[in-house]
């Protein structure tokens, strides 16, 4: 049985039902610094390092595995970091129902589950019908950073992002500071190929639907009856 969705802050833990939706982020982590989001932060190596390195920025992490979310929270509180939020729950639900739109200057997604079996691919974070939830977090000038060792999935993510209106996509051979996650460090040491992408708005973000996913969005309409 999956653990209940909840939110952890430097000051304590709360059920999401105790807070407004979308989350009032400025009230939860005061300040004026830009927000960065990591979806599927695992053991929190990158999220914690960035929180400590740049205390003026604010960081929000999403992780479905309770043991990893708790591990990050324990480490962040022990290190006295005060500029983070850690959400535990399914990313697609949290992105669609809990997080505000267009608030993040950077969104990080590293080594997500590729769901390789055809019958499971509807669960992918990057799909024409779900990519809008991820891209919709980006503010004007925002960047999306992505990496995977599952090259077939990575190529599909590249194609999906490259055909998203207003987004530009480039491949990165590596990150300037080196591996960002435990998986990336392990795979680099093994010599495993990794596909890295950086996507960014070429102009003001309009947050449209992906052309191939728009057909899945249903709209109910009605005509008012004449009296």
C-alpha atoms as a PDB file:
ATOM      1  CA  UNK A   1       0.000   0.000   0.000  1.00  0.00           C
ATOM      2  CA  UNK A   2       1.389   3.427  -0.948  1.00  0.00           C
ATOM      3  CA  UNK A   3       2.023   5.983   1.746  1.00  0.00           C
ATOM      4  CA  UNK A   4      -0.313   8.976   2.027  1.00  0.00           C
ATOM      5  CA  UNK A   5       0.555  12.160   0.181  1.00  0.00           C
ATOM      6  CA  UNK A   6       1.973  14.781   2.493  1.00  0.00           C
ATOM      7  CA  UNK A   7       4.327  17.740   2.719  1.00  0.00           C
ATOM      8  CA  UNK A   8       7.471  18.271   4.778  1.00  0.00           C
ATOM      9  CA  UNK A   9       8.949  21.667   5.628  1.00  0.00           C
ATOM     10  CA  UNK A  10      11.952  22.666   7.737  1.00  0.00           C
ATOM     11  CA  UNK A  11       9.534  23.321  10.610  1.00  0.00           C
ATOM     12  CA  UNK A  12       7.493  20.106  10.415  1.00  0.00           C
ATOM     13  CA  UNK A  13       5.262  17.708   8.490  1.00  0.00           C
ATOM     14  CA  UNK A  14       1.690  18.294   7.349  1.00  0.00           C
ATOM     15  CA  UNK A  15      -1.093  16.525   5.497  1.00  0.00           C
ATOM     16  CA  UNK A  16      -1.851  18.226   2.201  1.00  0.00           C
ATOM     17  CA  UNK A  17      -5.480  18.491   3.293  1.00  0.00           C
ATOM     18  CA  UNK A  18      -4.354  21.028   5.908  1.00  0.00           C
ATOM     19  CA  UNK A  19      -3.179  23.450   3.220  1.00  0.00           C
ATOM     20  CA  UNK A  20      -4.742  25.319   0.352  1.00  0.00           C
ATOM     21  CA  UNK A  21      -4.452  24.162  -3.248  1.00  0.00           C
ATOM     22  CA  UNK A  22      -2.533  25.240  -5.160  1.00  0.00           C
ATOM     23  CA  UNK A  23       0.048  25.433  -2.410  1.00  0.00           C
ATOM     24  CA  UNK A  24       0.761  28.947  -1.080  1.00  0.00           C
ATOM     25  CA  UNK A  25       4.496  28.567  -1.666  1.00  0.00           C
ATOM     26  CA  UNK A  26       5.564  32.075  -0.530  1.00  0.00           C
ATOM     27  CA  UNK A  27       3.892  31.469   2.824  1.00  0.00           C
ATOM     28  CA  UNK A  28       5.538  28.078   3.265  1.00  0.00           C
ATOM     29  CA  UNK A  29       9.057  29.230   2.371  1.00  0.00           C
ATOM     30  CA  UNK A  30       9.299  33.025   2.691  1.00  0.00           C
ATOM     31  CA  UNK A  31      11.743  34.961   0.573  1.00  0.00           C
ATOM     32  CA  UNK A  32      12.159  36.460  -2.865  1.00  0.00           C
ATOM     33  CA  UNK A  33      14.561  33.958  -4.416  1.00  0.00           C
ATOM     34  CA  UNK A  34      13.555  31.970  -7.502  1.00  0.00           C
ATOM     35  CA  UNK A  35      12.154  28.461  -7.190  1.00  0.00           C
ATOM     36  CA  UNK A  36      13.682  25.252  -8.522  1.00  0.00           C
ATOM     37  CA  UNK A  37      11.851  21.914  -8.636  1.00  0.00           C
ATOM     38  CA  UNK A  38      13.234  18.382  -8.717  1.00  0.00           C
ATOM     39  CA  UNK A  39      10.754  15.665  -9.646  1.00  0.00           C
ATOM     40  CA  UNK A  40      11.759  12.236  -8.346  1.00  0.00           C
ATOM     41  CA  UNK A  41      14.653  13.363  -6.149  1.00  0.00           C
ATOM     42  CA  UNK A  42      15.455   9.873  -4.827  1.00  0.00           C
ATOM     43  CA  UNK A  43      17.898  10.048  -1.919  1.00  0.00           C
ATOM     44  CA  UNK A  44      18.090  13.805  -2.396  1.00  0.00           C
ATOM     45  CA  UNK A  45      21.774  14.178  -3.265  1.00  0.00           C
ATOM     46  CA  UNK A  46      21.249  16.991  -5.766  1.00  0.00           C
ATOM     47  CA  UNK A  47      18.319  18.656  -3.997  1.00  0.00           C
ATOM     48  CA  UNK A  48      20.190  18.887  -0.677  1.00  0.00           C
ATOM     49  CA  UNK A  49      23.427  20.096  -2.256  1.00  0.00           C
ATOM     50  CA  UNK A  50      21.651  22.853  -4.166  1.00  0.00           C
ATOM     51  CA  UNK A  51      19.679  23.900  -1.088  1.00  0.00           C
ATOM     52  CA  UNK A  52      22.880  24.283   0.910  1.00  0.00           C
ATOM     53  CA  UNK A  53      24.904  25.911  -1.870  1.00  0.00           C
ATOM     54  CA  UNK A  54      22.327  28.576  -2.689  1.00  0.00           C
ATOM     55  CA  UNK A  55      20.347  29.551   0.434  1.00  0.00           C
ATOM     56  CA  UNK A  56      18.757  32.533  -1.365  1.00  0.00           C
ATOM     57  CA  UNK A  57      16.964  30.224  -3.803  1.00  0.00           C
ATOM     58  CA  UNK A  58      13.992  28.096  -2.839  1.00  0.00           C
ATOM     59  CA  UNK A  59      13.724  24.404  -3.713  1.00  0.00           C
ATOM     60  CA  UNK A  60      10.776  22.022  -3.979  1.00  0.00           C
ATOM     61  CA  UNK A  61      11.223  18.283  -4.352  1.00  0.00           C
ATOM     62  CA  UNK A  62       8.706  15.586  -5.293  1.00  0.00           C
ATOM     63  CA  UNK A  63       9.329  11.931  -4.437  1.00  0.00           C
ATOM     64  CA  UNK A  64       6.933   8.988  -4.314  1.00  0.00           C
ATOM     65  CA  UNK A  65       9.125   6.704  -2.170  1.00  0.00           C
ATOM     66  CA  UNK A  66       8.501   7.462   1.493  1.00  0.00           C
ATOM     67  CA  UNK A  67      11.862   6.155   2.716  1.00  0.00           C
ATOM     68  CA  UNK A  68      13.762   8.425   0.323  1.00  0.00           C
ATOM     69  CA  UNK A  69      11.625  11.436   1.112  1.00  0.00           C
ATOM     70  CA  UNK A  70      12.222  10.923   4.835  1.00  0.00           C
ATOM     71  CA  UNK A  71      15.951  10.478   4.250  1.00  0.00           C
ATOM     72  CA  UNK A  72      16.192  13.831   2.501  1.00  0.00           C
ATOM     73  CA  UNK A  73      14.078  15.549   5.173  1.00  0.00           C
ATOM     74  CA  UNK A  74      16.236  14.185   8.000  1.00  0.00           C
ATOM     75  CA  UNK A  75      19.436  15.286   6.272  1.00  0.00           C
ATOM     76  CA  UNK A  76      18.111  18.734   5.370  1.00  0.00           C
ATOM     77  CA  UNK A  77      16.897  19.420   8.898  1.00  0.00           C
ATOM     78  CA  UNK A  78      20.139  18.152  10.381  1.00  0.00           C
ATOM     79  CA  UNK A  79      22.087  20.531   8.135  1.00  0.00           C
ATOM     80  CA  UNK A  80      19.765  23.412   9.133  1.00  0.00           C
ATOM     81  CA  UNK A  81      18.669  24.108   5.549  1.00  0.00           C
ATOM     82  CA  UNK A  82      15.616  26.377   5.581  1.00  0.00           C
ATOM     83  CA  UNK A  83      14.797  26.908   1.888  1.00  0.00           C
ATOM     84  CA  UNK A  84      13.069  23.699   0.826  1.00  0.00           C
ATOM     85  CA  UNK A  85       9.778  21.814   0.569  1.00  0.00           C
ATOM     86  CA  UNK A  86       9.595  18.024   0.142  1.00  0.00           C
ATOM     87  CA  UNK A  87       6.364  16.550  -1.216  1.00  0.00           C
ATOM     88  CA  UNK A  88       5.668  12.834  -0.971  1.00  0.00           C
ATOM     89  CA  UNK A  89       3.266  11.434  -3.527  1.00  0.00           C
ATOM     90  CA  UNK A  90       2.599  10.709  -7.181  1.00  0.00           C
ATOM     91  CA  UNK A  91       4.163  13.394  -9.352  1.00  0.00           C
ATOM     92  CA  UNK A  92       1.382  13.576 -11.942  1.00  0.00           C
ATOM     93  CA  UNK A  93      -1.238  14.088  -9.228  1.00  0.00           C
ATOM     94  CA  UNK A  94       0.828  16.722  -7.424  1.00  0.00           C
ATOM     95  CA  UNK A  95       1.604  18.610 -10.623  1.00  0.00           C
ATOM     96  CA  UNK A  96      -2.031  18.625 -11.734  1.00  0.00           C
ATOM     97  CA  UNK A  97      -3.782  19.326  -8.431  1.00  0.00           C
ATOM     98  CA  UNK A  98      -1.360  20.797  -5.885  1.00  0.00           C
ATOM     99  CA  UNK A  99       1.415  22.883  -7.441  1.00  0.00           C
ATOM    100  CA  UNK A 100       0.845  26.322  -8.966  1.00  0.00           C
ATOM    101  CA  UNK A 101       1.623  26.964 -12.617  1.00  0.00           C
ATOM    102  CA  UNK A 102       4.630  28.815 -14.038  1.00  0.00           C
ATOM    103  CA  UNK A 103       6.462  29.427 -10.770  1.00  0.00           C
ATOM    104  CA  UNK A 104       9.795  27.647 -11.328  1.00  0.00           C
ATOM    105  CA  UNK A 105      12.969  29.004 -12.907  1.00  0.00           C
ATOM    106  CA  UNK A 106      14.293  25.444 -13.232  1.00  0.00           C
ATOM    107  CA  UNK A 107      12.748  21.967 -13.246  1.00  0.00           C
ATOM    108  CA  UNK A 108      15.047  18.959 -12.831  1.00  0.00           C
ATOM    109  CA  UNK A 109      14.083  15.405 -13.809  1.00  0.00           C
ATOM    110  CA  UNK A 110      16.875  12.857 -13.549  1.00  0.00           C
ATOM    111  CA  UNK A 111      16.548   9.152 -14.364  1.00  0.00           C
ATOM    112  CA  UNK A 112      12.753   8.850 -14.118  1.00  0.00           C
ATOM    113  CA  UNK A 113      11.143   5.439 -14.397  1.00  0.00           C
ATOM    114  CA  UNK A 114      10.902   4.808 -18.177  1.00  0.00           C
ATOM    115  CA  UNK A 115       8.012   2.335 -17.795  1.00  0.00           C
ATOM    116  CA  UNK A 116       9.342   0.300 -20.758  1.00  0.00           C
ATOM    117  CA  UNK A 117       6.366  -2.051 -21.090  1.00  0.00           C
ATOM    118  CA  UNK A 118       3.763  -0.760 -23.531  1.00  0.00           C
ATOM    119  CA  UNK A 119       0.866  -1.236 -21.133  1.00  0.00           C
ATOM    120  CA  UNK A 120       2.618   0.890 -18.500  1.00  0.00           C
ATOM    121  CA  UNK A 121       3.756   3.781 -20.694  1.00  0.00           C
ATOM    122  CA  UNK A 122       0.715   5.865 -19.811  1.00  0.00           C
ATOM    123  CA  UNK A 123       2.385   6.321 -16.405  1.00  0.00           C
ATOM    124  CA  UNK A 124       5.368   8.115 -17.910  1.00  0.00           C
ATOM    125  CA  UNK A 125       6.092  11.636 -16.771  1.00  0.00           C
ATOM    126  CA  UNK A 126       7.015  12.594 -20.344  1.00  0.00           C
ATOM    127  CA  UNK A 127       4.237  11.674 -22.720  1.00  0.00           C
ATOM    128  CA  UNK A 128       2.317  13.923 -25.134  1.00  0.00           C
ATOM    129  CA  UNK A 129      -0.673  13.711 -22.780  1.00  0.00           C
ATOM    130  CA  UNK A 130       1.252  14.533 -19.568  1.00  0.00           C
ATOM    131  CA  UNK A 131       4.233  16.673 -20.581  1.00  0.00           C
ATOM    132  CA  UNK A 132       2.108  19.826 -20.181  1.00  0.00           C
ATOM    133  CA  UNK A 133       2.090  19.244 -16.427  1.00  0.00           C
ATOM    134  CA  UNK A 134       5.886  19.359 -16.320  1.00  0.00           C
ATOM    135  CA  UNK A 135       6.422  22.190 -18.798  1.00  0.00           C
ATOM    136  CA  UNK A 136       3.595  24.139 -17.178  1.00  0.00           C
ATOM    137  CA  UNK A 137       5.724  24.633 -14.051  1.00  0.00           C
ATOM    138  CA  UNK A 138       8.239  26.782 -15.948  1.00  0.00           C
ATOM    139  CA  UNK A 139       8.151  30.551 -15.578  1.00  0.00           C
ATOM    140  CA  UNK A 140       9.299  32.868 -18.359  1.00  0.00           C
ATOM    141  CA  UNK A 141      12.982  32.184 -18.883  1.00  0.00           C
ATOM    142  CA  UNK A 142      12.687  28.846 -17.099  1.00  0.00           C
ATOM    143  CA  UNK A 143      14.757  25.768 -17.954  1.00  0.00           C
ATOM    144  CA  UNK A 144      13.992  22.046 -17.880  1.00  0.00           C
ATOM    145  CA  UNK A 145      16.947  19.723 -17.206  1.00  0.00           C
ATOM    146  CA  UNK A 146      16.579  15.993 -17.934  1.00  0.00           C
ATOM    147  CA  UNK A 147      18.800  12.904 -17.928  1.00  0.00           C
ATOM    148  CA  UNK A 148      18.260   9.176 -18.476  1.00  0.00           C
ATOM    149  CA  UNK A 149      20.288   6.061 -19.195  1.00  0.00           C
ATOM    150  CA  UNK A 150      17.285   4.507 -20.967  1.00  0.00           C
ATOM    151  CA  UNK A 151      18.209   5.867 -24.386  1.00  0.00           C
ATOM    152  CA  UNK A 152      15.048   4.830 -26.230  1.00  0.00           C
ATOM    153  CA  UNK A 153      12.950   6.748 -23.718  1.00  0.00           C
ATOM    154  CA  UNK A 154      15.383   9.666 -23.847  1.00  0.00           C
ATOM    155  CA  UNK A 155      14.992   9.958 -27.606  1.00  0.00           C
ATOM    156  CA  UNK A 156      11.216  10.024 -27.214  1.00  0.00           C
ATOM    157  CA  UNK A 157      11.484  12.726 -24.548  1.00  0.00           C
ATOM    158  CA  UNK A 158      13.701  14.743 -26.895  1.00  0.00           C
ATOM    159  CA  UNK A 159      11.155  14.443 -29.699  1.00  0.00           C
ATOM    160  CA  UNK A 160       8.252  15.390 -27.412  1.00  0.00           C
ATOM    161  CA  UNK A 161      10.028  18.481 -26.078  1.00  0.00           C
ATOM    162  CA  UNK A 162      11.337  19.502 -29.507  1.00  0.00           C
ATOM    163  CA  UNK A 163       7.763  19.563 -30.871  1.00  0.00           C
ATOM    164  CA  UNK A 164       6.383  21.535 -27.918  1.00  0.00           C
ATOM    165  CA  UNK A 165       5.373  25.046 -29.079  1.00  0.00           C
ATOM    166  CA  UNK A 166       7.848  27.685 -27.892  1.00  0.00           C
ATOM    167  CA  UNK A 167      10.459  25.310 -26.433  1.00  0.00           C
ATOM    168  CA  UNK A 168      14.027  24.979 -27.643  1.00  0.00           C
ATOM    169  CA  UNK A 169      15.940  21.794 -26.772  1.00  0.00           C
ATOM    170  CA  UNK A 170      19.670  21.083 -26.742  1.00  0.00           C
ATOM    171  CA  UNK A 171      21.654  17.996 -25.797  1.00  0.00           C
ATOM    172  CA  UNK A 172      24.299  18.189 -23.112  1.00  0.00           C
ATOM    173  CA  UNK A 173      27.323  15.888 -23.026  1.00  0.00           C
ATOM    174  CA  UNK A 174      27.602  16.345 -19.267  1.00  0.00           C
ATOM    175  CA  UNK A 175      26.811  18.801 -16.493  1.00  0.00           C
ATOM    176  CA  UNK A 176      29.517  21.345 -15.709  1.00  0.00           C
ATOM    177  CA  UNK A 177      29.803  20.285 -12.064  1.00  0.00           C
ATOM    178  CA  UNK A 178      29.762  16.558 -12.822  1.00  0.00           C
ATOM    179  CA  UNK A 179      27.152  13.936 -11.864  1.00  0.00           C
ATOM    180  CA  UNK A 180      24.076  15.330 -10.130  1.00  0.00           C
ATOM    181  CA  UNK A 181      22.603  12.129  -8.715  1.00  0.00           C
ATOM    182  CA  UNK A 182      23.778   8.834  -7.255  1.00  0.00           C
ATOM    183  CA  UNK A 183      22.513   7.033 -10.361  1.00  0.00           C
ATOM    184  CA  UNK A 184      24.422   9.367 -12.649  1.00  0.00           C
ATOM    185  CA  UNK A 185      27.676   8.921 -10.709  1.00  0.00           C
ATOM    186  CA  UNK A 186      27.243   5.139 -10.775  1.00  0.00           C
ATOM    187  CA  UNK A 187      26.404   4.990 -14.474  1.00  0.00           C
ATOM    188  CA  UNK A 188      29.266   7.294 -15.446  1.00  0.00           C
ATOM    189  CA  UNK A 189      31.686   5.092 -13.510  1.00  0.00           C
ATOM    190  CA  UNK A 190      30.324   2.062 -15.383  1.00  0.00           C
ATOM    191  CA  UNK A 191      30.721   3.819 -18.721  1.00  0.00           C
ATOM    192  CA  UNK A 192      27.011   3.593 -19.422  1.00  0.00           C
ATOM    193  CA  UNK A 193      25.750   6.108 -22.028  1.00  0.00           C
ATOM    194  CA  UNK A 194      23.524   8.863 -20.660  1.00  0.00           C
ATOM    195  CA  UNK A 195      21.254  11.176 -22.624  1.00  0.00           C
ATOM    196  CA  UNK A 196      21.015  14.689 -21.150  1.00  0.00           C
ATOM    197  CA  UNK A 197      18.675  17.431 -22.345  1.00  0.00           C
ATOM    198  CA  UNK A 198      18.142  21.091 -21.560  1.00  0.00           C
ATOM    199  CA  UNK A 199      14.940  22.768 -22.724  1.00  0.00           C
ATOM    200  CA  UNK A 200      14.041  26.431 -22.382  1.00  0.00           C
ATOM    201  CA  UNK A 201      11.449  28.918 -23.553  1.00  0.00           C
ATOM    202  CA  UNK A 202      12.501  30.822 -26.673  1.00  0.00           C
ATOM    203  CA  UNK A 203      10.064  33.600 -25.777  1.00  0.00           C
ATOM    204  CA  UNK A 204       7.282  34.259 -23.252  1.00  0.00           C
ATOM    205  CA  UNK A 205       5.737  30.956 -22.210  1.00  0.00           C
ATOM    206  CA  UNK A 206       2.198  30.416 -23.424  1.00  0.00           C
ATOM    207  CA  UNK A 207       1.853  26.992 -21.755  1.00  0.00           C
ATOM    208  CA  UNK A 208      -0.131  25.476 -24.640  1.00  0.00           C
ATOM    209  CA  UNK A 209      -1.024  21.824 -24.875  1.00  0.00           C
ATOM    210  CA  UNK A 210       1.304  19.524 -26.727  1.00  0.00           C
ATOM    211  CA  UNK A 211      -0.107  19.081 -30.247  1.00  0.00           C
ATOM    212  CA  UNK A 212      -0.268  15.290 -29.907  1.00  0.00           C
ATOM    213  CA  UNK A 213      -1.770  15.390 -26.431  1.00  0.00           C
ATOM    214  CA  UNK A 214      -4.483  17.976 -26.976  1.00  0.00           C
ATOM    215  CA  UNK A 215      -6.904  15.361 -28.336  1.00  0.00           C
ATOM    216  CA  UNK A 216      -6.945  13.675 -24.936  1.00  0.00           C
ATOM    217  CA  UNK A 217      -8.246  16.802 -23.210  1.00  0.00           C
ATOM    218  CA  UNK A 218     -12.027  16.610 -23.065  1.00  0.00           C
ATOM    219  CA  UNK A 219     -14.216  19.692 -22.804  1.00  0.00           C
ATOM    220  CA  UNK A 220     -17.877  19.584 -21.839  1.00  0.00           C
ATOM    221  CA  UNK A 221     -20.079  22.122 -23.591  1.00  0.00           C
ATOM    222  CA  UNK A 222     -23.789  22.757 -23.650  1.00  0.00           C
ATOM    223  CA  UNK A 223     -26.256  24.985 -25.374  1.00  0.00           C
ATOM    224  CA  UNK A 224     -28.691  26.918 -23.263  1.00  0.00           C
ATOM    225  CA  UNK A 225     -32.252  25.971 -24.069  1.00  0.00           C
ATOM    226  CA  UNK A 226     -34.534  28.706 -25.280  1.00  0.00           C
ATOM    227  CA  UNK A 227     -37.476  29.427 -23.011  1.00  0.00           C
END
